[in-house]
Amino acid sequence: MHDLAARVRNLMDLHRGAPMKLPLGGRFFDIVVTANGPEAYAVMSLLDEVQHVPGRRTGVPSCGPVIEDHERGWLIWLVPPGTHAVWDPHRYGTCLGAPYELALPAMTQTEPPGPYWLRPCRGDRLVPHHPLRDFLDRFQPGPIPHEELLGRFVSSIS
């Protein structure tokens, strides 16, 4: 019960504009962390096309949720839970799942300072990991941090 109460409080904080920590994996999401920069932004543009909703205006960002952390030079892509189990080591993206947590920026945080939503978090989508991996191979954004380094920072980015 304590765990459920903590999650409800976290959700209420998020809606009030406060950052929120969520466990990776489980029912929510895993993350893939890449470098930011022109190559990573090109990947995001292609994912906007891949995730475009028919009937929606062209040119509207459609990619699943992405957090940018300028201070560390990272993009944090929210991918389906379980991705960590199937994500082989990759030169341009590190995937984390359980037991890590992610501190999400406030939903209204859409620009610096601090980590912010480069692509908004919506309830209808996450970033599909297969196209993400293919596009990372193609555009090669780098350098990326290793999993051990990420594990120390990921719950404290907000």
N, C-alpha and C. Protein backbone atom coordinates (compact mmCIF):
# COMPACT_ATOMS: atom_id res chain seq x y z
N MET A 1 0.83 -1.20 0.00
CA MET A 1 0.00 0.00 0.00
C MET A 1 0.87 1.26 0.00
N HIS A 2 1.96 1.22 0.74
CA HIS A 2 2.87 2.37 0.80
C HIS A 2 3.38 2.72 -0.60
N ASP A 3 3.72 1.69 -1.40
CA ASP A 3 4.22 1.91 -2.75
C ASP A 3 3.16 2.61 -3.62
N LEU A 4 1.93 2.17 -3.52
CA LEU A 4 0.84 2.78 -4.28
C LEU A 4 0.62 4.22 -3.85
N ALA A 5 0.63 4.47 -2.57
CA ALA A 5 0.44 5.84 -2.06
C ALA A 5 1.56 6.76 -2.54
N ALA A 6 2.78 6.26 -2.56
CA ALA A 6 3.91 7.07 -3.04
C ALA A 6 3.75 7.39 -4.51
N ARG A 7 3.29 6.43 -5.29
CA ARG A 7 3.08 6.68 -6.73
C ARG A 7 1.97 7.70 -6.97
N VAL A 8 0.91 7.61 -6.19
CA VAL A 8 -0.18 8.58 -6.33
C VAL A 8 0.32 9.98 -5.98
N ARG A 9 1.09 10.11 -4.89
CA ARG A 9 1.66 11.41 -4.53
C ARG A 9 2.57 11.93 -5.64
N ASN A 10 3.40 11.05 -6.20
CA ASN A 10 4.28 11.45 -7.30
C ASN A 10 3.49 11.97 -8.49
N LEU A 11 2.41 11.27 -8.82
CA LEU A 11 1.58 11.69 -9.95
C LEU A 11 0.95 13.04 -9.70
N MET A 12 0.48 13.25 -8.48
CA MET A 12 -0.12 14.55 -8.13
C MET A 12 0.93 15.66 -8.21
N ASP A 13 2.14 15.37 -7.75
CA ASP A 13 3.23 16.35 -7.85
C ASP A 13 3.51 16.70 -9.31
N LEU A 14 3.54 15.69 -10.17
CA LEU A 14 3.81 15.91 -11.59
C LEU A 14 2.76 16.84 -12.20
N HIS A 15 1.50 16.61 -11.87
CA HIS A 15 0.44 17.47 -12.40
C HIS A 15 0.52 18.89 -11.85
N ARG A 16 1.09 19.05 -10.67
CA ARG A 16 1.28 20.39 -10.10
C ARG A 16 2.53 21.07 -10.65
N GLY A 17 3.27 20.38 -11.51
CA GLY A 17 4.46 20.98 -12.10
C GLY A 17 5.75 20.62 -11.42
N ALA A 18 5.72 19.68 -10.49
CA ALA A 18 6.95 19.25 -9.81
C ALA A 18 7.54 18.05 -10.54
N PRO A 19 8.86 17.85 -10.43
CA PRO A 19 9.45 16.64 -11.01
C PRO A 19 8.94 15.40 -10.29
N MET A 20 9.07 14.26 -10.94
CA MET A 20 8.58 13.01 -10.37
C MET A 20 9.54 11.88 -10.71
N LYS A 21 9.79 10.99 -9.76
CA LYS A 21 10.62 9.82 -10.02
C LYS A 21 9.73 8.61 -10.27
N LEU A 22 10.05 7.87 -11.33
CA LEU A 22 9.33 6.64 -11.63
C LEU A 22 10.34 5.52 -11.80
N PRO A 23 9.97 4.31 -11.38
CA PRO A 23 10.86 3.17 -11.62
C PRO A 23 10.82 2.81 -13.11
N LEU A 24 11.97 2.44 -13.64
CA LEU A 24 12.01 1.98 -15.03
C LEU A 24 11.54 0.54 -15.07
N GLY A 25 11.09 0.12 -16.26
CA GLY A 25 10.57 -1.23 -16.42
C GLY A 25 9.15 -1.29 -15.90
N GLY A 26 8.74 -2.47 -15.51
CA GLY A 26 7.38 -2.62 -14.98
C GLY A 26 6.33 -2.24 -15.99
N ARG A 27 5.40 -1.38 -15.58
CA ARG A 27 4.29 -0.99 -16.46
C ARG A 27 4.52 0.33 -17.18
N PHE A 28 5.61 1.02 -16.87
CA PHE A 28 5.78 2.36 -17.40
C PHE A 28 6.63 2.37 -18.67
N PHE A 29 7.93 2.37 -18.53
CA PHE A 29 8.81 2.46 -19.69
C PHE A 29 10.23 2.15 -19.27
N ASP A 30 11.07 1.84 -20.25
CA ASP A 30 12.52 1.80 -20.11
C ASP A 30 13.01 3.06 -20.81
N ILE A 31 14.32 3.29 -20.77
CA ILE A 31 14.87 4.45 -21.48
C ILE A 31 16.07 4.03 -22.32
N VAL A 32 16.27 4.75 -23.40
CA VAL A 32 17.50 4.66 -24.19
C VAL A 32 18.12 6.04 -24.13
N VAL A 33 19.40 6.10 -23.75
CA VAL A 33 20.10 7.37 -23.64
C VAL A 33 21.11 7.46 -24.77
N THR A 34 21.06 8.59 -25.49
CA THR A 34 22.00 8.86 -26.57
C THR A 34 22.61 10.23 -26.33
N ALA A 35 23.62 10.54 -27.13
CA ALA A 35 24.12 11.91 -27.15
C ALA A 35 23.04 12.78 -27.80
N ASN A 36 23.06 14.08 -27.49
CA ASN A 36 22.20 14.99 -28.23
C ASN A 36 23.02 15.54 -29.40
N GLY A 37 22.48 16.48 -30.13
CA GLY A 37 23.21 17.06 -31.25
C GLY A 37 22.53 16.78 -32.57
N PRO A 38 23.10 17.28 -33.67
CA PRO A 38 22.46 17.20 -34.98
C PRO A 38 22.09 15.78 -35.41
N GLU A 39 22.95 14.82 -35.14
CA GLU A 39 22.66 13.44 -35.56
C GLU A 39 21.46 12.89 -34.79
N ALA A 40 21.41 13.16 -33.49
CA ALA A 40 20.28 12.69 -32.68
C ALA A 40 18.99 13.39 -33.07
N TYR A 41 19.07 14.68 -33.40
CA TYR A 41 17.87 15.40 -33.83
C TYR A 41 17.36 14.87 -35.17
N ALA A 42 18.28 14.41 -36.04
CA ALA A 42 17.86 13.79 -37.30
C ALA A 42 17.10 12.49 -37.03
N VAL A 43 17.57 11.72 -36.05
CA VAL A 43 16.86 10.50 -35.65
C VAL A 43 15.45 10.85 -35.18
N MET A 44 15.34 11.89 -34.37
CA MET A 44 14.03 12.29 -33.86
C MET A 44 13.10 12.73 -34.99
N SER A 45 13.63 13.44 -35.97
CA SER A 45 12.80 13.86 -37.12
C SER A 45 12.26 12.65 -37.88
N LEU A 46 13.10 11.64 -38.06
CA LEU A 46 12.63 10.44 -38.75
C LEU A 46 11.58 9.70 -37.91
N LEU A 47 11.76 9.69 -36.60
CA LEU A 47 10.75 9.07 -35.74
C LEU A 47 9.45 9.87 -35.74
N ASP A 48 9.53 11.19 -35.93
CA ASP A 48 8.31 11.98 -36.12
C ASP A 48 7.53 11.45 -37.32
N GLU A 49 8.24 11.11 -38.39
CA GLU A 49 7.58 10.57 -39.59
C GLU A 49 7.04 9.16 -39.33
N VAL A 50 7.85 8.31 -38.69
CA VAL A 50 7.43 6.94 -38.41
C VAL A 50 6.18 6.91 -37.53
N GLN A 51 6.12 7.81 -36.56
CA GLN A 51 5.00 7.81 -35.61
C GLN A 51 3.90 8.80 -35.98
N HIS A 52 3.96 9.35 -37.19
CA HIS A 52 2.93 10.30 -37.62
C HIS A 52 1.56 9.62 -37.60
N VAL A 53 0.60 10.31 -37.06
CA VAL A 53 -0.77 9.82 -36.98
C VAL A 53 -1.52 10.28 -38.23
N PRO A 54 -2.07 9.33 -39.02
CA PRO A 54 -2.83 9.72 -40.21
C PRO A 54 -3.96 10.68 -39.83
N GLY A 55 -4.14 11.69 -40.63
CA GLY A 55 -5.17 12.69 -40.38
C GLY A 55 -4.68 13.85 -39.54
N ARG A 56 -3.54 13.69 -38.92
CA ARG A 56 -2.96 14.78 -38.13
C ARG A 56 -2.15 15.68 -39.05
N ARG A 57 -2.13 16.95 -38.74
CA ARG A 57 -1.42 17.93 -39.55
C ARG A 57 0.05 17.51 -39.73
N THR A 58 0.56 17.61 -40.94
CA THR A 58 1.95 17.31 -41.22
C THR A 58 2.84 18.37 -40.57
N GLY A 59 4.01 17.95 -40.11
CA GLY A 59 4.94 18.88 -39.48
C GLY A 59 4.77 18.99 -37.98
N VAL A 60 3.73 18.36 -37.43
CA VAL A 60 3.53 18.36 -35.98
C VAL A 60 4.39 17.23 -35.41
N PRO A 61 5.22 17.52 -34.39
CA PRO A 61 6.05 16.45 -33.82
C PRO A 61 5.20 15.28 -33.35
N SER A 62 5.55 14.08 -33.81
CA SER A 62 4.77 12.89 -33.49
C SER A 62 5.58 11.83 -32.75
N CYS A 63 6.87 12.04 -32.63
CA CYS A 63 7.74 11.09 -31.94
C CYS A 63 7.28 10.93 -30.50
N GLY A 64 7.46 9.75 -29.96
CA GLY A 64 7.16 9.51 -28.55
C GLY A 64 8.02 10.40 -27.66
N PRO A 65 7.87 10.29 -26.35
CA PRO A 65 8.51 11.22 -25.42
C PRO A 65 10.04 11.14 -25.41
N VAL A 66 10.65 12.33 -25.44
CA VAL A 66 12.11 12.47 -25.39
C VAL A 66 12.43 13.62 -24.45
N ILE A 67 13.35 13.37 -23.53
CA ILE A 67 13.83 14.40 -22.60
C ILE A 67 15.22 14.81 -23.05
N GLU A 68 15.47 16.11 -23.08
CA GLU A 68 16.82 16.59 -23.39
C GLU A 68 17.46 17.13 -22.13
N ASP A 69 18.71 16.73 -21.92
CA ASP A 69 19.51 17.22 -20.80
C ASP A 69 20.75 17.87 -21.41
N HIS A 70 20.68 19.19 -21.63
CA HIS A 70 21.80 19.93 -22.25
C HIS A 70 23.07 19.84 -21.42
N GLU A 71 22.91 19.89 -20.10
CA GLU A 71 24.08 19.90 -19.21
C GLU A 71 24.95 18.65 -19.43
N ARG A 72 24.32 17.52 -19.62
CA ARG A 72 25.05 16.27 -19.81
C ARG A 72 25.20 15.90 -21.29
N GLY A 73 24.51 16.61 -22.18
CA GLY A 73 24.60 16.31 -23.60
C GLY A 73 23.84 15.05 -23.99
N TRP A 74 22.71 14.80 -23.33
CA TRP A 74 21.95 13.57 -23.54
C TRP A 74 20.56 13.84 -24.09
N LEU A 75 20.06 12.85 -24.86
CA LEU A 75 18.63 12.70 -25.12
C LEU A 75 18.22 11.41 -24.42
N ILE A 76 17.09 11.45 -23.76
CA ILE A 76 16.56 10.29 -23.04
C ILE A 76 15.24 9.92 -23.70
N TRP A 77 15.25 8.80 -24.41
CA TRP A 77 14.10 8.33 -25.17
C TRP A 77 13.30 7.36 -24.31
N LEU A 78 12.01 7.60 -24.11
CA LEU A 78 11.17 6.69 -23.35
C LEU A 78 10.65 5.61 -24.29
N VAL A 79 11.06 4.37 -24.03
CA VAL A 79 10.75 3.23 -24.89
C VAL A 79 9.89 2.24 -24.11
N PRO A 80 9.25 1.28 -24.80
CA PRO A 80 8.37 0.34 -24.10
C PRO A 80 9.09 -0.43 -22.99
N PRO A 81 8.35 -0.73 -21.90
CA PRO A 81 8.95 -1.55 -20.85
C PRO A 81 9.37 -2.90 -21.42
N GLY A 82 10.48 -3.42 -20.93
CA GLY A 82 10.99 -4.69 -21.44
C GLY A 82 12.05 -4.52 -22.51
N THR A 83 12.21 -3.30 -23.03
CA THR A 83 13.21 -3.06 -24.07
C THR A 83 14.61 -3.41 -23.57
N HIS A 84 14.88 -3.11 -22.29
CA HIS A 84 16.21 -3.39 -21.73
C HIS A 84 16.58 -4.87 -21.89
N ALA A 85 15.60 -5.76 -21.79
CA ALA A 85 15.86 -7.21 -21.88
C ALA A 85 16.24 -7.64 -23.30
N VAL A 86 15.81 -6.89 -24.31
CA VAL A 86 16.08 -7.28 -25.70
C VAL A 86 17.08 -6.36 -26.40
N TRP A 87 17.53 -5.31 -25.72
CA TRP A 87 18.45 -4.34 -26.32
C TRP A 87 19.87 -4.86 -26.17
N ASP A 88 20.46 -5.31 -27.27
CA ASP A 88 21.85 -5.75 -27.24
C ASP A 88 22.75 -4.54 -27.07
N PRO A 89 23.97 -4.74 -26.57
CA PRO A 89 24.90 -3.61 -26.46
C PRO A 89 24.97 -2.85 -27.78
N HIS A 90 24.96 -1.54 -27.68
CA HIS A 90 24.89 -0.70 -28.87
C HIS A 90 25.87 0.45 -28.73
N ARG A 91 26.50 0.79 -29.81
CA ARG A 91 27.53 1.82 -29.79
C ARG A 91 26.98 3.23 -29.59
N TYR A 92 25.72 3.46 -29.97
CA TYR A 92 25.18 4.82 -29.96
C TYR A 92 24.01 5.03 -29.01
N GLY A 93 23.62 4.01 -28.26
CA GLY A 93 22.53 4.16 -27.31
C GLY A 93 22.62 3.13 -26.20
N THR A 94 22.46 3.58 -24.98
CA THR A 94 22.46 2.69 -23.83
C THR A 94 21.04 2.59 -23.29
N CYS A 95 20.59 1.37 -23.07
CA CYS A 95 19.22 1.15 -22.58
C CYS A 95 19.26 0.77 -21.10
N LEU A 96 18.39 1.39 -20.33
CA LEU A 96 18.25 1.07 -18.91
C LEU A 96 16.80 0.71 -18.60
N GLY A 97 16.64 -0.26 -17.72
CA GLY A 97 15.33 -0.65 -17.21
C GLY A 97 15.44 -0.80 -15.70
N ALA A 98 14.65 -1.72 -15.14
CA ALA A 98 14.74 -1.99 -13.70
C ALA A 98 16.16 -2.44 -13.39
N PRO A 99 16.72 -2.05 -12.28
CA PRO A 99 16.15 -1.47 -11.06
C PRO A 99 16.27 0.05 -10.99
N TYR A 100 16.57 0.72 -12.08
CA TYR A 100 16.80 2.16 -12.05
C TYR A 100 15.49 2.94 -11.98
N GLU A 101 15.61 4.20 -11.59
CA GLU A 101 14.49 5.15 -11.59
C GLU A 101 14.87 6.32 -12.47
N LEU A 102 13.86 7.02 -12.98
CA LEU A 102 14.10 8.22 -13.76
C LEU A 102 13.34 9.37 -13.13
N ALA A 103 14.04 10.48 -12.92
CA ALA A 103 13.39 11.70 -12.44
C ALA A 103 12.87 12.44 -13.67
N LEU A 104 11.56 12.46 -13.82
CA LEU A 104 10.94 13.14 -14.97
C LEU A 104 10.84 14.63 -14.70
N PRO A 105 11.12 15.46 -15.71
CA PRO A 105 10.88 16.89 -15.52
C PRO A 105 9.38 17.14 -15.41
N ALA A 106 9.02 18.28 -14.87
CA ALA A 106 7.61 18.66 -14.82
C ALA A 106 7.04 18.65 -16.23
N MET A 107 5.78 18.29 -16.36
CA MET A 107 5.15 18.21 -17.69
C MET A 107 5.19 19.54 -18.42
N THR A 108 5.25 20.63 -17.69
CA THR A 108 5.28 21.96 -18.30
C THR A 108 6.69 22.42 -18.65
N GLN A 109 7.70 21.64 -18.29
CA GLN A 109 9.10 22.01 -18.56
C GLN A 109 9.42 21.64 -20.01
N THR A 110 9.34 22.62 -20.92
CA THR A 110 9.56 22.36 -22.34
C THR A 110 10.75 23.12 -22.92
N GLU A 111 11.56 23.68 -22.04
CA GLU A 111 12.79 24.35 -22.47
C GLU A 111 13.73 24.45 -21.28
N PRO A 112 15.03 24.68 -21.56
CA PRO A 112 15.98 24.83 -20.44
C PRO A 112 15.60 26.04 -19.60
N PRO A 113 16.09 26.17 -18.39
CA PRO A 113 17.20 25.42 -17.81
C PRO A 113 16.76 24.06 -17.28
N GLY A 114 17.74 23.18 -17.15
CA GLY A 114 17.50 21.84 -16.65
C GLY A 114 16.94 20.93 -17.73
N PRO A 115 16.80 19.64 -17.41
CA PRO A 115 16.21 18.70 -18.35
C PRO A 115 14.78 19.12 -18.69
N TYR A 116 14.38 18.88 -19.92
CA TYR A 116 13.05 19.30 -20.36
C TYR A 116 12.52 18.34 -21.42
N TRP A 117 11.22 18.44 -21.67
CA TRP A 117 10.56 17.59 -22.68
C TRP A 117 10.81 18.17 -24.07
N LEU A 118 11.66 17.51 -24.84
CA LEU A 118 11.88 17.91 -26.23
C LEU A 118 10.72 17.42 -27.09
N ARG A 119 10.21 16.24 -26.76
CA ARG A 119 8.96 15.72 -27.31
C ARG A 119 8.10 15.39 -26.10
N PRO A 120 6.86 15.85 -26.09
CA PRO A 120 6.04 15.72 -24.88
C PRO A 120 5.70 14.27 -24.54
N CYS A 121 5.43 14.08 -23.27
CA CYS A 121 4.98 12.78 -22.78
C CYS A 121 3.46 12.75 -22.92
N ARG A 122 2.98 11.86 -23.78
CA ARG A 122 1.54 11.70 -23.98
C ARG A 122 1.19 10.26 -23.63
N GLY A 123 -0.03 10.03 -23.29
CA GLY A 123 -0.44 8.69 -22.90
C GLY A 123 -0.57 7.71 -24.04
N ASP A 124 -0.52 8.18 -25.29
CA ASP A 124 -0.81 7.29 -26.41
C ASP A 124 0.42 6.70 -27.10
N ARG A 125 1.64 7.02 -26.64
CA ARG A 125 2.79 6.46 -27.36
C ARG A 125 4.09 6.55 -26.56
N LEU A 126 4.96 5.61 -26.89
CA LEU A 126 6.36 5.64 -26.47
C LEU A 126 7.18 5.59 -27.76
N VAL A 127 8.48 5.70 -27.66
CA VAL A 127 9.34 5.63 -28.84
C VAL A 127 9.56 4.15 -29.17
N PRO A 128 9.26 3.71 -30.41
CA PRO A 128 9.47 2.31 -30.77
C PRO A 128 10.97 2.00 -30.86
N HIS A 129 11.40 0.95 -30.16
CA HIS A 129 12.84 0.72 -30.06
C HIS A 129 13.48 0.17 -31.32
N HIS A 130 12.76 -0.58 -32.15
CA HIS A 130 13.39 -1.11 -33.38
C HIS A 130 13.78 0.01 -34.35
N PRO A 131 12.85 0.91 -34.71
CA PRO A 131 13.27 2.01 -35.59
C PRO A 131 14.31 2.91 -34.93
N LEU A 132 14.19 3.13 -33.62
CA LEU A 132 15.18 3.96 -32.92
C LEU A 132 16.57 3.36 -33.10
N ARG A 133 16.71 2.08 -32.87
CA ARG A 133 18.01 1.41 -33.01
C ARG A 133 18.54 1.51 -34.44
N ASP A 134 17.66 1.27 -35.42
CA ASP A 134 18.08 1.37 -36.82
C ASP A 134 18.56 2.78 -37.17
N PHE A 135 17.82 3.78 -36.72
CA PHE A 135 18.21 5.17 -37.03
C PHE A 135 19.48 5.57 -36.28
N LEU A 136 19.68 5.06 -35.08
CA LEU A 136 20.93 5.34 -34.36
C LEU A 136 22.12 4.75 -35.12
N ASP A 137 21.95 3.55 -35.67
CA ASP A 137 23.02 2.95 -36.49
C ASP A 137 23.32 3.82 -37.71
N ARG A 138 22.27 4.37 -38.28
CA ARG A 138 22.42 5.17 -39.50
C ARG A 138 23.07 6.52 -39.24
N PHE A 139 22.67 7.21 -38.17
CA PHE A 139 23.14 8.58 -37.93
C PHE A 139 24.28 8.69 -36.91
N GLN A 140 24.47 7.68 -36.08
CA GLN A 140 25.61 7.56 -35.17
C GLN A 140 25.86 8.75 -34.25
N PRO A 141 24.86 9.16 -33.46
CA PRO A 141 25.13 10.25 -32.51
C PRO A 141 26.06 9.76 -31.40
N GLY A 142 26.96 10.57 -31.01
CA GLY A 142 27.87 10.13 -29.96
C GLY A 142 28.63 11.31 -29.40
N PRO A 143 29.37 11.08 -28.35
CA PRO A 143 29.54 9.82 -27.62
C PRO A 143 28.42 9.61 -26.61
N ILE A 144 28.24 8.36 -26.21
CA ILE A 144 27.23 8.05 -25.20
C ILE A 144 27.91 7.58 -23.92
N PRO A 145 27.27 7.81 -22.77
CA PRO A 145 27.84 7.32 -21.51
C PRO A 145 27.57 5.82 -21.35
N HIS A 146 28.35 5.19 -20.52
CA HIS A 146 28.15 3.77 -20.24
C HIS A 146 27.09 3.58 -19.17
N GLU A 147 26.55 2.37 -19.10
CA GLU A 147 25.44 2.06 -18.19
C GLU A 147 25.76 2.39 -16.73
N GLU A 148 26.99 2.10 -16.28
CA GLU A 148 27.33 2.36 -14.88
C GLU A 148 27.23 3.85 -14.57
N LEU A 149 27.74 4.68 -15.47
CA LEU A 149 27.68 6.13 -15.28
C LEU A 149 26.23 6.60 -15.30
N LEU A 150 25.46 6.10 -16.25
CA LEU A 150 24.05 6.49 -16.34
C LEU A 150 23.29 6.14 -15.08
N GLY A 151 23.54 4.95 -14.55
CA GLY A 151 22.83 4.50 -13.36
C GLY A 151 22.99 5.44 -12.18
N ARG A 152 24.14 6.10 -12.09
CA ARG A 152 24.37 7.04 -10.99
C ARG A 152 23.61 8.34 -11.18
N PHE A 153 23.38 8.75 -12.43
CA PHE A 153 22.79 10.06 -12.69
C PHE A 153 21.30 10.03 -13.01
N VAL A 154 20.80 8.93 -13.53
CA VAL A 154 19.47 8.93 -14.13
C VAL A 154 18.36 9.29 -13.15
N SER A 155 18.50 8.97 -11.88
CA SER A 155 17.41 9.31 -10.95
C SER A 155 17.56 10.71 -10.38
N SER A 156 18.58 11.44 -10.82
CA SER A 156 18.79 12.77 -10.25
C SER A 156 18.87 13.86 -11.30
N ILE A 157 18.34 13.63 -12.52
CA ILE A 157 18.53 14.62 -13.57
C ILE A 157 17.68 15.86 -13.41
N SER A 158 16.57 15.77 -12.68
CA SER A 158 15.70 16.96 -12.57
C SER A 158 16.20 17.92 -11.54
